[in-house]
C-alpha cells in the first residue's frame, strides 16, 4: 500500500468498505468510458451534420446559381463543426473532474492503473505532479485523504490540448478548410476569369 494509505489501514481492512470502494471504482471507470464515448459520438454526429448540410446546400446553391446561399452553406457548416468541437471540450472537462475520485480510490484500494497512466504521459508534467503529491499525502482516515486530494486538484492542470482532443481540433480545421477551399474553387473563376 502507498504512503497515503498507511495511517488508514485499519479503516480499509474492513471487507464491506473495501468492496464498496471496489464497486465505486468500477462504476466511476464505466462513467468515464461512457463520457468519452458520448463526446466521440457527439463529435462524429456534428461532423456528419455539418458535411451533410454543406453538400446539400452546395448543390442547391449551384442549381439556383445563388452565391449568397453558397457562402451561407460554408459559414453554417463551419459553425456546426466548431460548435461540435466546443461541446467535446466541455464534455472532456466532465472526464477530468472524475480524476480526483479515481486517484483517491486507487490509493485507498492499492491500485495503480490510472495513476501510472497519468504520471507516464510524455508531456504531462502537471498530471505527474498531481499524482506524486497525492501519493505523498498522509491522512488519519480515508475521509481526510479524500479531502486533501480533492483540495489539491486543479482542473487547469489537465489541459485539453494534452489529452485526446488534439485530433478533434485537427479534424475541425481540416473540415472548415475543405468547406472554404471548395467555395474558393467555385467562386474564383467567377470573380477572376482566366482570359
N, C-alpha and C. Protein backbone atom coordinates (compact mmCIF):
# COMPACT_ATOMS: atom_id res chain seq x y z
N UNK A 1 0.83 -1.18 0.00
CA UNK A 1 0.00 0.00 0.00
C UNK A 1 0.88 1.24 0.00
N UNK A 2 0.41 2.32 -0.59
CA UNK A 2 1.19 3.55 -0.69
C UNK A 2 1.25 4.27 0.64
N UNK A 3 2.16 5.26 0.71
CA UNK A 3 2.31 6.05 1.92
C UNK A 3 1.04 6.78 2.29
N UNK A 4 0.21 7.11 1.33
CA UNK A 4 -1.02 7.85 1.59
C UNK A 4 -2.00 7.01 2.37
N UNK A 5 -1.88 5.69 2.31
CA UNK A 5 -2.87 4.83 2.94
C UNK A 5 -2.42 4.25 4.28
N UNK A 6 -1.17 4.43 4.61
CA UNK A 6 -0.61 3.72 5.75
C UNK A 6 -1.40 3.97 7.02
N UNK A 7 -1.75 5.23 7.29
CA UNK A 7 -2.46 5.54 8.52
C UNK A 7 -3.93 5.16 8.47
N UNK A 8 -4.45 4.83 7.28
CA UNK A 8 -5.86 4.50 7.16
C UNK A 8 -6.07 2.99 6.98
N UNK A 9 -5.06 2.20 7.27
CA UNK A 9 -5.14 0.76 7.01
C UNK A 9 -6.26 0.10 7.79
N UNK A 10 -6.44 0.52 9.05
CA UNK A 10 -7.49 -0.09 9.86
C UNK A 10 -8.86 0.15 9.25
N UNK A 11 -9.05 1.28 8.62
CA UNK A 11 -10.33 1.60 8.01
C UNK A 11 -10.52 0.83 6.70
N UNK A 12 -9.42 0.60 5.97
CA UNK A 12 -9.51 -0.05 4.67
C UNK A 12 -9.56 -1.57 4.79
N UNK A 13 -9.20 -2.10 5.93
CA UNK A 13 -9.17 -3.54 6.09
C UNK A 13 -10.54 -4.17 6.20
N UNK A 14 -11.56 -3.39 6.40
CA UNK A 14 -12.91 -3.93 6.54
C UNK A 14 -13.42 -4.37 5.17
N UNK A 15 -13.89 -5.61 5.09
CA UNK A 15 -14.32 -6.17 3.80
C UNK A 15 -15.48 -5.40 3.16
N UNK A 16 -16.55 -5.06 3.90
CA UNK A 16 -17.66 -4.37 3.24
C UNK A 16 -17.24 -3.00 2.68
N UNK A 17 -16.38 -2.29 3.43
CA UNK A 17 -15.92 -0.98 2.97
C UNK A 17 -15.06 -1.11 1.72
N UNK A 18 -14.15 -2.08 1.74
CA UNK A 18 -13.28 -2.28 0.58
C UNK A 18 -14.09 -2.69 -0.64
N UNK A 19 -15.07 -3.57 -0.46
CA UNK A 19 -15.85 -4.00 -1.62
C UNK A 19 -16.72 -2.86 -2.15
N UNK A 20 -17.20 -1.99 -1.26
CA UNK A 20 -17.97 -0.83 -1.71
C UNK A 20 -17.08 0.10 -2.54
N UNK A 21 -15.84 0.26 -2.12
CA UNK A 21 -14.90 1.10 -2.89
C UNK A 21 -14.55 0.46 -4.22
N UNK A 22 -14.41 -0.86 -4.23
CA UNK A 22 -14.13 -1.56 -5.49
C UNK A 22 -15.29 -1.39 -6.48
N UNK A 23 -16.49 -1.47 -5.95
CA UNK A 23 -17.67 -1.26 -6.80
C UNK A 23 -17.69 0.17 -7.32
N UNK A 24 -17.42 1.14 -6.43
CA UNK A 24 -17.39 2.54 -6.86
C UNK A 24 -16.31 2.76 -7.92
N UNK A 25 -15.17 2.08 -7.74
CA UNK A 25 -14.07 2.21 -8.70
C UNK A 25 -14.50 1.73 -10.09
N UNK A 26 -15.17 0.57 -10.11
CA UNK A 26 -15.66 0.06 -11.40
C UNK A 26 -16.72 0.98 -12.00
N UNK A 27 -17.61 1.47 -11.16
CA UNK A 27 -18.68 2.35 -11.64
C UNK A 27 -18.11 3.65 -12.19
N UNK A 28 -17.14 4.23 -11.49
CA UNK A 28 -16.59 5.50 -11.93
C UNK A 28 -15.80 5.34 -13.24
N UNK A 29 -15.14 4.18 -13.42
CA UNK A 29 -14.46 3.94 -14.70
C UNK A 29 -15.47 3.73 -15.82
N UNK A 30 -16.58 3.06 -15.51
CA UNK A 30 -17.64 2.93 -16.51
C UNK A 30 -18.20 4.30 -16.89
N UNK A 31 -18.34 5.16 -15.89
CA UNK A 31 -18.82 6.52 -16.14
C UNK A 31 -17.82 7.29 -17.02
N UNK A 32 -16.54 7.13 -16.73
CA UNK A 32 -15.51 7.80 -17.53
C UNK A 32 -15.56 7.32 -18.98
N UNK A 33 -15.66 6.01 -19.18
CA UNK A 33 -15.73 5.47 -20.54
C UNK A 33 -17.00 5.92 -21.26
N UNK A 34 -18.12 5.96 -20.55
CA UNK A 34 -19.37 6.41 -21.17
C UNK A 34 -19.28 7.88 -21.57
N UNK A 35 -18.64 8.69 -20.75
CA UNK A 35 -18.47 10.10 -21.08
C UNK A 35 -17.58 10.27 -22.30
N UNK A 36 -16.50 9.50 -22.37
CA UNK A 36 -15.61 9.56 -23.53
C UNK A 36 -16.36 9.11 -24.79
N UNK A 37 -17.15 8.04 -24.67
CA UNK A 37 -17.94 7.59 -25.81
C UNK A 37 -18.93 8.66 -26.25
N UNK A 38 -19.52 9.37 -25.28
CA UNK A 38 -20.51 10.39 -25.63
C UNK A 38 -19.87 11.53 -26.40
N UNK A 39 -18.65 11.96 -26.02
CA UNK A 39 -18.09 13.06 -26.81
C UNK A 39 -17.58 12.58 -28.16
N UNK A 40 -17.18 11.33 -28.27
CA UNK A 40 -16.83 10.80 -29.60
C UNK A 40 -18.07 10.75 -30.50
N UNK A 41 -19.18 10.28 -29.96
CA UNK A 41 -20.41 10.20 -30.74
C UNK A 41 -20.91 11.60 -31.10
N UNK A 42 -20.85 12.51 -30.13
CA UNK A 42 -21.29 13.88 -30.40
C UNK A 42 -20.47 14.51 -31.52
N UNK A 43 -19.17 14.30 -31.47
CA UNK A 43 -18.30 14.90 -32.48
C UNK A 43 -18.56 14.29 -33.86
N UNK A 44 -18.70 12.97 -33.91
CA UNK A 44 -19.00 12.32 -35.19
C UNK A 44 -20.33 12.80 -35.74
N UNK A 45 -21.33 12.92 -34.88
CA UNK A 45 -22.64 13.40 -35.30
C UNK A 45 -22.55 14.84 -35.80
N UNK A 46 -21.82 15.70 -35.10
CA UNK A 46 -21.66 17.09 -35.51
C UNK A 46 -21.00 17.21 -36.88
N UNK A 47 -19.97 16.39 -37.10
CA UNK A 47 -19.30 16.42 -38.41
C UNK A 47 -20.19 15.88 -39.51
N UNK A 48 -20.93 14.84 -39.21
CA UNK A 48 -21.86 14.27 -40.19
C UNK A 48 -22.92 15.30 -40.59
N UNK A 49 -23.48 15.98 -39.61
CA UNK A 49 -24.48 17.03 -39.89
C UNK A 49 -23.86 18.16 -40.68
N UNK A 50 -22.67 18.61 -40.28
CA UNK A 50 -22.02 19.73 -40.97
C UNK A 50 -21.73 19.40 -42.43
N UNK A 51 -21.17 18.22 -42.67
CA UNK A 51 -20.84 17.84 -44.05
C UNK A 51 -22.11 17.58 -44.86
N UNK A 52 -23.08 16.91 -44.26
CA UNK A 52 -24.34 16.68 -44.97
C UNK A 52 -25.02 17.99 -45.35
N UNK A 53 -25.08 18.90 -44.39
CA UNK A 53 -25.69 20.21 -44.66
C UNK A 53 -24.91 20.97 -45.74
N UNK A 54 -23.58 20.97 -45.62
CA UNK A 54 -22.77 21.71 -46.59
C UNK A 54 -22.98 21.19 -48.01
N UNK A 55 -22.90 19.87 -48.20
CA UNK A 55 -23.02 19.34 -49.55
C UNK A 55 -24.43 19.52 -50.11
N UNK A 56 -25.43 19.38 -49.27
CA UNK A 56 -26.81 19.61 -49.72
C UNK A 56 -27.00 21.05 -50.17
N UNK A 57 -26.55 21.99 -49.33
CA UNK A 57 -26.70 23.41 -49.67
C UNK A 57 -25.80 23.81 -50.85
N UNK A 58 -24.65 23.17 -50.97
CA UNK A 58 -23.76 23.45 -52.10
C UNK A 58 -24.46 23.11 -53.43
N UNK A 59 -25.01 21.91 -53.50
CA UNK A 59 -25.68 21.53 -54.75
C UNK A 59 -26.94 22.36 -55.00
N UNK A 60 -27.65 22.69 -53.94
CA UNK A 60 -28.83 23.54 -54.08
C UNK A 60 -28.44 24.93 -54.58
N UNK A 61 -27.37 25.50 -54.01
CA UNK A 61 -26.94 26.83 -54.42
C UNK A 61 -26.42 26.83 -55.85
N UNK A 62 -25.78 25.73 -56.27
CA UNK A 62 -25.33 25.64 -57.66
C UNK A 62 -26.52 25.52 -58.62
N UNK A 63 -27.55 24.77 -58.21
CA UNK A 63 -28.76 24.66 -59.04
C UNK A 63 -29.46 26.01 -59.17
N UNK A 64 -29.45 26.77 -58.07
CA UNK A 64 -30.13 28.07 -58.07
C UNK A 64 -29.21 29.20 -58.51
N UNK A 65 -27.94 28.90 -58.72
CA UNK A 65 -26.93 29.93 -59.04
C UNK A 65 -26.93 31.04 -58.00
N UNK A 66 -26.96 30.65 -56.74
CA UNK A 66 -27.03 31.62 -55.65
C UNK A 66 -25.70 31.66 -54.89
N UNK A 67 -24.97 32.73 -55.09
CA UNK A 67 -23.70 32.90 -54.37
C UNK A 67 -23.91 33.12 -52.88
N UNK A 68 -24.89 33.92 -52.47
CA UNK A 68 -25.10 34.08 -51.01
C UNK A 68 -25.42 32.75 -50.31
N UNK A 69 -26.21 31.90 -50.97
CA UNK A 69 -26.54 30.61 -50.39
C UNK A 69 -25.30 29.73 -50.29
N UNK A 70 -24.42 29.84 -51.27
CA UNK A 70 -23.17 29.08 -51.28
C UNK A 70 -22.29 29.49 -50.09
N UNK A 71 -22.15 30.78 -49.89
CA UNK A 71 -21.33 31.28 -48.77
C UNK A 71 -21.99 30.97 -47.43
N UNK A 72 -23.32 31.09 -47.38
CA UNK A 72 -24.03 30.77 -46.14
C UNK A 72 -23.86 29.30 -45.77
N UNK A 73 -23.80 28.43 -46.78
CA UNK A 73 -23.59 26.99 -46.51
C UNK A 73 -22.25 26.76 -45.83
N UNK A 74 -21.19 27.42 -46.34
CA UNK A 74 -19.86 27.25 -45.74
C UNK A 74 -19.80 27.84 -44.34
N UNK A 75 -20.42 29.00 -44.16
CA UNK A 75 -20.41 29.62 -42.83
C UNK A 75 -21.14 28.74 -41.82
N UNK A 76 -22.34 28.28 -42.19
CA UNK A 76 -23.13 27.47 -41.26
C UNK A 76 -22.45 26.14 -40.95
N UNK A 77 -21.91 25.48 -41.97
CA UNK A 77 -21.22 24.20 -41.74
C UNK A 77 -19.99 24.39 -40.86
N UNK A 78 -19.26 25.50 -41.06
CA UNK A 78 -18.10 25.79 -40.22
C UNK A 78 -18.52 25.99 -38.77
N UNK A 79 -19.62 26.71 -38.57
CA UNK A 79 -20.11 26.94 -37.20
C UNK A 79 -20.55 25.65 -36.54
N UNK A 80 -21.17 24.75 -37.30
CA UNK A 80 -21.58 23.46 -36.73
C UNK A 80 -20.36 22.66 -36.28
N UNK A 81 -19.31 22.64 -37.12
CA UNK A 81 -18.08 21.92 -36.76
C UNK A 81 -17.47 22.49 -35.49
N UNK A 82 -17.37 23.82 -35.41
CA UNK A 82 -16.75 24.43 -34.23
C UNK A 82 -17.62 24.26 -32.99
N UNK A 83 -18.94 24.27 -33.17
CA UNK A 83 -19.84 24.02 -32.05
C UNK A 83 -19.61 22.59 -31.51
N UNK A 84 -19.53 21.62 -32.43
CA UNK A 84 -19.29 20.24 -32.01
C UNK A 84 -17.96 20.12 -31.25
N UNK A 85 -16.94 20.83 -31.73
CA UNK A 85 -15.64 20.79 -31.06
C UNK A 85 -15.72 21.41 -29.65
N UNK A 86 -16.43 22.52 -29.53
CA UNK A 86 -16.58 23.15 -28.21
C UNK A 86 -17.34 22.24 -27.24
N UNK A 87 -18.33 21.53 -27.74
CA UNK A 87 -19.08 20.59 -26.90
C UNK A 87 -18.16 19.47 -26.43
N UNK A 88 -17.29 18.99 -27.32
CA UNK A 88 -16.32 17.95 -26.93
C UNK A 88 -15.44 18.46 -25.79
N UNK A 89 -14.98 19.70 -25.89
CA UNK A 89 -14.14 20.26 -24.83
C UNK A 89 -14.90 20.33 -23.50
N UNK A 90 -16.18 20.70 -23.56
CA UNK A 90 -16.97 20.78 -22.32
C UNK A 90 -17.18 19.39 -21.73
N UNK A 91 -17.49 18.41 -22.57
CA UNK A 91 -17.69 17.05 -22.07
C UNK A 91 -16.38 16.48 -21.52
N UNK A 92 -15.27 16.83 -22.17
CA UNK A 92 -13.96 16.38 -21.70
C UNK A 92 -13.69 16.85 -20.28
N UNK A 93 -14.15 18.03 -19.92
CA UNK A 93 -13.97 18.52 -18.55
C UNK A 93 -14.70 17.63 -17.56
N UNK A 94 -15.80 17.00 -17.99
CA UNK A 94 -16.51 16.06 -17.11
C UNK A 94 -15.65 14.83 -16.84
N UNK A 95 -14.87 14.40 -17.84
CA UNK A 95 -13.95 13.28 -17.65
C UNK A 95 -12.86 13.67 -16.65
N UNK A 96 -12.29 14.85 -16.84
CA UNK A 96 -11.22 15.32 -15.96
C UNK A 96 -11.71 15.47 -14.53
N UNK A 97 -12.97 15.87 -14.36
CA UNK A 97 -13.49 16.05 -12.99
C UNK A 97 -13.58 14.74 -12.22
N UNK A 98 -13.50 13.62 -12.91
CA UNK A 98 -13.51 12.31 -12.24
C UNK A 98 -12.14 11.93 -11.69
N UNK A 99 -11.09 12.57 -12.13
CA UNK A 99 -9.73 12.20 -11.75
C UNK A 99 -9.47 12.17 -10.25
N UNK A 100 -9.88 13.21 -9.50
CA UNK A 100 -9.57 13.14 -8.06
C UNK A 100 -10.17 11.91 -7.38
N UNK A 101 -11.41 11.58 -7.75
CA UNK A 101 -12.05 10.42 -7.13
C UNK A 101 -11.36 9.13 -7.56
N UNK A 102 -10.98 9.04 -8.83
CA UNK A 102 -10.28 7.84 -9.31
C UNK A 102 -8.96 7.67 -8.56
N UNK A 103 -8.22 8.76 -8.42
CA UNK A 103 -6.93 8.69 -7.73
C UNK A 103 -7.13 8.31 -6.26
N UNK A 104 -8.13 8.92 -5.62
CA UNK A 104 -8.43 8.58 -4.23
C UNK A 104 -8.75 7.09 -4.09
N UNK A 105 -9.60 6.58 -4.97
CA UNK A 105 -9.98 5.16 -4.89
C UNK A 105 -8.78 4.25 -5.16
N UNK A 106 -7.92 4.64 -6.10
CA UNK A 106 -6.74 3.82 -6.36
C UNK A 106 -5.80 3.81 -5.15
N UNK A 107 -5.64 4.96 -4.51
CA UNK A 107 -4.80 4.98 -3.31
C UNK A 107 -5.43 4.17 -2.19
N UNK A 108 -6.73 4.25 -2.05
CA UNK A 108 -7.43 3.51 -1.00
C UNK A 108 -7.37 2.00 -1.22
N UNK A 109 -7.46 1.60 -2.48
CA UNK A 109 -7.51 0.18 -2.81
C UNK A 109 -6.15 -0.42 -3.13
N UNK A 110 -5.12 0.44 -3.25
CA UNK A 110 -3.80 -0.06 -3.60
C UNK A 110 -3.63 -0.33 -5.09
N UNK A 111 -4.49 0.26 -5.90
CA UNK A 111 -4.38 0.10 -7.36
C UNK A 111 -3.49 1.20 -7.92
N UNK A 112 -2.96 0.95 -9.10
CA UNK A 112 -2.13 2.00 -9.71
C UNK A 112 -2.35 2.12 -11.22
N UNK A 113 -3.45 1.58 -11.73
CA UNK A 113 -3.70 1.61 -13.17
C UNK A 113 -3.74 3.04 -13.72
N UNK A 114 -4.64 3.86 -13.22
CA UNK A 114 -4.80 5.20 -13.79
C UNK A 114 -3.70 6.14 -13.32
N UNK A 115 -3.19 5.92 -12.11
CA UNK A 115 -2.06 6.73 -11.64
C UNK A 115 -0.87 6.54 -12.56
N UNK A 116 -0.58 5.29 -12.94
CA UNK A 116 0.53 5.03 -13.86
C UNK A 116 0.29 5.69 -15.21
N UNK A 117 -0.95 5.60 -15.69
CA UNK A 117 -1.30 6.19 -16.98
C UNK A 117 -1.06 7.71 -16.96
N UNK A 118 -1.58 8.39 -15.94
CA UNK A 118 -1.45 9.85 -15.88
C UNK A 118 -0.01 10.30 -15.63
N UNK A 119 0.69 9.59 -14.79
CA UNK A 119 2.05 10.03 -14.47
C UNK A 119 3.07 9.69 -15.55
N UNK A 120 2.70 8.81 -16.50
CA UNK A 120 3.64 8.46 -17.57
C UNK A 120 3.37 9.21 -18.86
N UNK A 121 2.44 10.17 -18.84
CA UNK A 121 2.16 10.95 -20.05
C UNK A 121 3.42 11.74 -20.42
N UNK A 122 3.87 11.68 -21.69
CA UNK A 122 5.14 12.32 -22.05
C UNK A 122 5.15 13.83 -21.87
N UNK A 123 4.02 14.49 -22.10
CA UNK A 123 4.01 15.96 -21.98
C UNK A 123 3.19 16.41 -20.78
N UNK A 124 2.94 15.52 -19.84
CA UNK A 124 2.04 15.85 -18.75
C UNK A 124 2.71 16.11 -17.43
N UNK A 125 3.50 17.17 -17.31
CA UNK A 125 4.18 17.47 -16.06
C UNK A 125 3.20 17.78 -14.92
N UNK A 126 2.13 18.51 -15.23
CA UNK A 126 1.18 18.85 -14.17
C UNK A 126 0.40 17.62 -13.73
N UNK A 127 0.10 16.71 -14.65
CA UNK A 127 -0.57 15.47 -14.29
C UNK A 127 0.32 14.65 -13.36
N UNK A 128 1.58 14.53 -13.74
CA UNK A 128 2.55 13.77 -12.93
C UNK A 128 2.69 14.38 -11.54
N UNK A 129 2.74 15.71 -11.50
CA UNK A 129 2.87 16.41 -10.22
C UNK A 129 1.67 16.13 -9.31
N UNK A 130 0.47 16.14 -9.88
CA UNK A 130 -0.73 15.86 -9.09
C UNK A 130 -0.68 14.45 -8.51
N UNK A 131 -0.27 13.48 -9.31
CA UNK A 131 -0.18 12.09 -8.85
C UNK A 131 0.87 11.96 -7.74
N UNK A 132 2.02 12.57 -7.96
CA UNK A 132 3.09 12.47 -6.96
C UNK A 132 2.67 13.11 -5.64
N UNK A 133 2.03 14.29 -5.70
CA UNK A 133 1.57 14.93 -4.47
C UNK A 133 0.52 14.06 -3.77
N UNK A 134 -0.38 13.47 -4.54
CA UNK A 134 -1.42 12.63 -3.95
C UNK A 134 -0.82 11.40 -3.27
N UNK A 135 0.21 10.82 -3.89
CA UNK A 135 0.83 9.62 -3.31
C UNK A 135 1.62 9.93 -2.05
N UNK A 136 2.03 11.17 -1.85
CA UNK A 136 2.81 11.54 -0.68
C UNK A 136 1.94 12.04 0.48
N UNK A 137 0.65 12.12 0.27
CA UNK A 137 -0.24 12.59 1.34
C UNK A 137 -0.32 11.57 2.47
N UNK A 138 -0.38 12.07 3.69
CA UNK A 138 -0.60 11.22 4.86
C UNK A 138 -1.89 11.67 5.51
N UNK A 139 -2.76 10.72 5.79
CA UNK A 139 -4.06 11.05 6.36
C UNK A 139 -4.43 10.03 7.44
N UNK A 140 -5.18 10.50 8.42
CA UNK A 140 -5.63 9.63 9.51
C UNK A 140 -6.81 8.78 9.09
N UNK A 141 -7.56 9.20 8.09
CA UNK A 141 -8.72 8.45 7.63
C UNK A 141 -8.87 8.64 6.13
N UNK A 142 -9.70 7.81 5.55
CA UNK A 142 -9.93 7.94 4.11
C UNK A 142 -10.70 9.21 3.80
N UNK A 143 -11.53 9.67 4.73
CA UNK A 143 -12.25 10.93 4.53
C UNK A 143 -11.27 12.09 4.44
N UNK A 144 -10.29 12.10 5.32
CA UNK A 144 -9.27 13.15 5.29
C UNK A 144 -8.43 13.05 4.02
N UNK A 145 -8.12 11.81 3.61
CA UNK A 145 -7.36 11.60 2.38
C UNK A 145 -8.13 12.16 1.18
N UNK A 146 -9.43 11.88 1.12
CA UNK A 146 -10.26 12.40 0.03
C UNK A 146 -10.27 13.93 0.04
N UNK A 147 -10.44 14.52 1.21
CA UNK A 147 -10.46 15.99 1.30
C UNK A 147 -9.15 16.60 0.81
N UNK A 148 -8.05 15.99 1.16
CA UNK A 148 -6.74 16.53 0.74
C UNK A 148 -6.52 16.37 -0.76
N UNK A 149 -6.88 15.21 -1.30
CA UNK A 149 -6.72 15.00 -2.74
C UNK A 149 -7.62 15.98 -3.51
N UNK A 150 -8.85 16.09 -3.06
CA UNK A 150 -9.81 16.97 -3.75
C UNK A 150 -9.38 18.43 -3.66
N UNK A 151 -8.81 18.84 -2.53
CA UNK A 151 -8.42 20.24 -2.37
C UNK A 151 -7.20 20.61 -3.21
N UNK A 152 -6.34 19.65 -3.52
CA UNK A 152 -5.16 19.98 -4.32
C UNK A 152 -5.42 19.81 -5.83
N UNK A 153 -6.57 19.28 -6.20
CA UNK A 153 -6.90 19.09 -7.61
C UNK A 153 -7.24 20.43 -8.27
N UNK A 154 -6.60 20.69 -9.43
CA UNK A 154 -6.88 21.90 -10.21
C UNK A 154 -7.20 21.46 -11.63
N UNK A 155 -8.38 21.80 -12.08
CA UNK A 155 -8.86 21.42 -13.41
C UNK A 155 -7.89 21.87 -14.50
N UNK A 156 -7.31 23.05 -14.34
CA UNK A 156 -6.42 23.60 -15.38
C UNK A 156 -5.10 22.82 -15.51
N UNK A 157 -4.79 21.96 -14.54
CA UNK A 157 -3.59 21.13 -14.63
C UNK A 157 -3.75 19.99 -15.62
N UNK A 158 -4.95 19.81 -16.15
CA UNK A 158 -5.24 18.75 -17.11
C UNK A 158 -5.82 19.37 -18.38
N UNK A 159 -4.99 20.13 -19.12
CA UNK A 159 -5.49 20.84 -20.29
C UNK A 159 -5.91 19.91 -21.42
N UNK A 160 -6.94 20.33 -22.15
CA UNK A 160 -7.48 19.50 -23.22
C UNK A 160 -6.48 19.27 -24.34
N UNK A 161 -5.58 20.22 -24.57
CA UNK A 161 -4.64 20.06 -25.68
C UNK A 161 -3.61 18.97 -25.41
N UNK A 162 -3.49 18.51 -24.15
CA UNK A 162 -2.59 17.40 -23.84
C UNK A 162 -3.36 16.09 -23.76
N UNK A 163 -4.64 16.17 -24.06
CA UNK A 163 -5.46 14.97 -23.99
C UNK A 163 -5.84 14.55 -25.41
N UNK A 164 -6.73 13.65 -25.52
CA UNK A 164 -7.10 13.08 -26.81
C UNK A 164 -7.76 14.08 -27.75
N UNK A 165 -8.20 15.21 -27.25
CA UNK A 165 -8.96 16.15 -28.09
C UNK A 165 -8.11 16.87 -29.12
N UNK A 166 -6.80 16.66 -29.16
CA UNK A 166 -5.96 17.28 -30.17
C UNK A 166 -6.34 16.86 -31.58
N UNK A 167 -6.67 15.59 -31.76
CA UNK A 167 -7.07 15.15 -33.10
C UNK A 167 -8.44 15.68 -33.49
N UNK A 168 -9.27 15.98 -32.49
CA UNK A 168 -10.56 16.60 -32.79
C UNK A 168 -10.35 18.00 -33.37
N UNK A 169 -9.42 18.74 -32.80
CA UNK A 169 -9.13 20.08 -33.30
C UNK A 169 -8.60 20.03 -34.73
N UNK A 170 -7.70 19.08 -35.01
CA UNK A 170 -7.16 18.93 -36.36
C UNK A 170 -8.26 18.60 -37.36
N UNK A 171 -9.16 17.70 -36.99
CA UNK A 171 -10.27 17.35 -37.88
C UNK A 171 -11.18 18.55 -38.13
N UNK A 172 -11.38 19.37 -37.10
CA UNK A 172 -12.21 20.58 -37.28
C UNK A 172 -11.54 21.54 -38.25
N UNK A 173 -10.23 21.75 -38.12
CA UNK A 173 -9.50 22.62 -39.05
C UNK A 173 -9.60 22.10 -40.48
N UNK A 174 -9.42 20.79 -40.64
CA UNK A 174 -9.46 20.22 -41.99
C UNK A 174 -10.86 20.35 -42.61
N UNK A 175 -11.90 20.12 -41.81
CA UNK A 175 -13.26 20.24 -42.33
C UNK A 175 -13.57 21.67 -42.75
N UNK A 176 -13.25 22.62 -41.89
CA UNK A 176 -13.51 24.03 -42.22
C UNK A 176 -12.69 24.45 -43.44
N UNK A 177 -11.44 24.02 -43.50
CA UNK A 177 -10.60 24.35 -44.66
C UNK A 177 -11.20 23.75 -45.93
N UNK A 178 -11.69 22.52 -45.85
CA UNK A 178 -12.32 21.89 -47.01
C UNK A 178 -13.51 22.69 -47.51
N UNK A 179 -14.37 23.13 -46.58
CA UNK A 179 -15.54 23.92 -46.98
C UNK A 179 -15.11 25.16 -47.77
N UNK A 180 -14.13 25.86 -47.24
CA UNK A 180 -13.75 27.14 -47.85
C UNK A 180 -12.89 26.96 -49.10
N UNK A 181 -12.15 25.88 -49.20
CA UNK A 181 -11.41 25.60 -50.43
C UNK A 181 -12.39 25.32 -51.58
N UNK A 182 -13.44 24.57 -51.27
CA UNK A 182 -14.45 24.28 -52.30
C UNK A 182 -15.16 25.56 -52.74
N UNK A 183 -15.51 26.40 -51.77
CA UNK A 183 -16.16 27.68 -52.11
C UNK A 183 -15.21 28.53 -52.96
N UNK A 184 -13.94 28.58 -52.59
CA UNK A 184 -12.96 29.37 -53.35
C UNK A 184 -12.80 28.81 -54.76
N UNK A 185 -12.79 27.47 -54.88
CA UNK A 185 -12.65 26.86 -56.21
C UNK A 185 -13.84 27.17 -57.10
N UNK A 186 -15.02 27.31 -56.52
CA UNK A 186 -16.21 27.63 -57.31
C UNK A 186 -16.28 29.11 -57.65
N UNK A 187 -15.94 29.97 -56.69
CA UNK A 187 -16.13 31.41 -56.91
C UNK A 187 -14.95 32.11 -57.57
N UNK A 188 -13.77 31.55 -57.47
CA UNK A 188 -12.59 32.22 -58.07
C UNK A 188 -12.75 32.45 -59.57
N UNK A 189 -13.19 31.44 -60.36
CA UNK A 189 -13.36 31.70 -61.80
C UNK A 189 -14.45 32.73 -62.11
N UNK A 190 -15.43 32.88 -61.20
CA UNK A 190 -16.49 33.85 -61.42
C UNK A 190 -15.95 35.27 -61.27
N UNK A 191 -15.17 35.49 -60.24
CA UNK A 191 -14.66 36.84 -59.97
C UNK A 191 -13.32 37.13 -60.64
N UNK A 192 -12.55 36.09 -60.93
CA UNK A 192 -11.25 36.25 -61.59
C UNK A 192 -11.17 35.32 -62.79
N UNK A 193 -11.94 35.61 -63.84
CA UNK A 193 -11.94 34.71 -65.00
C UNK A 193 -10.59 34.72 -65.71
N UNK A 194 -10.24 33.53 -66.23
CA UNK A 194 -9.00 33.42 -66.98
C UNK A 194 -9.24 33.98 -68.39
N UNK A 195 -8.35 34.85 -68.85
CA UNK A 195 -8.53 35.48 -70.17
C UNK A 195 -7.58 34.90 -71.17
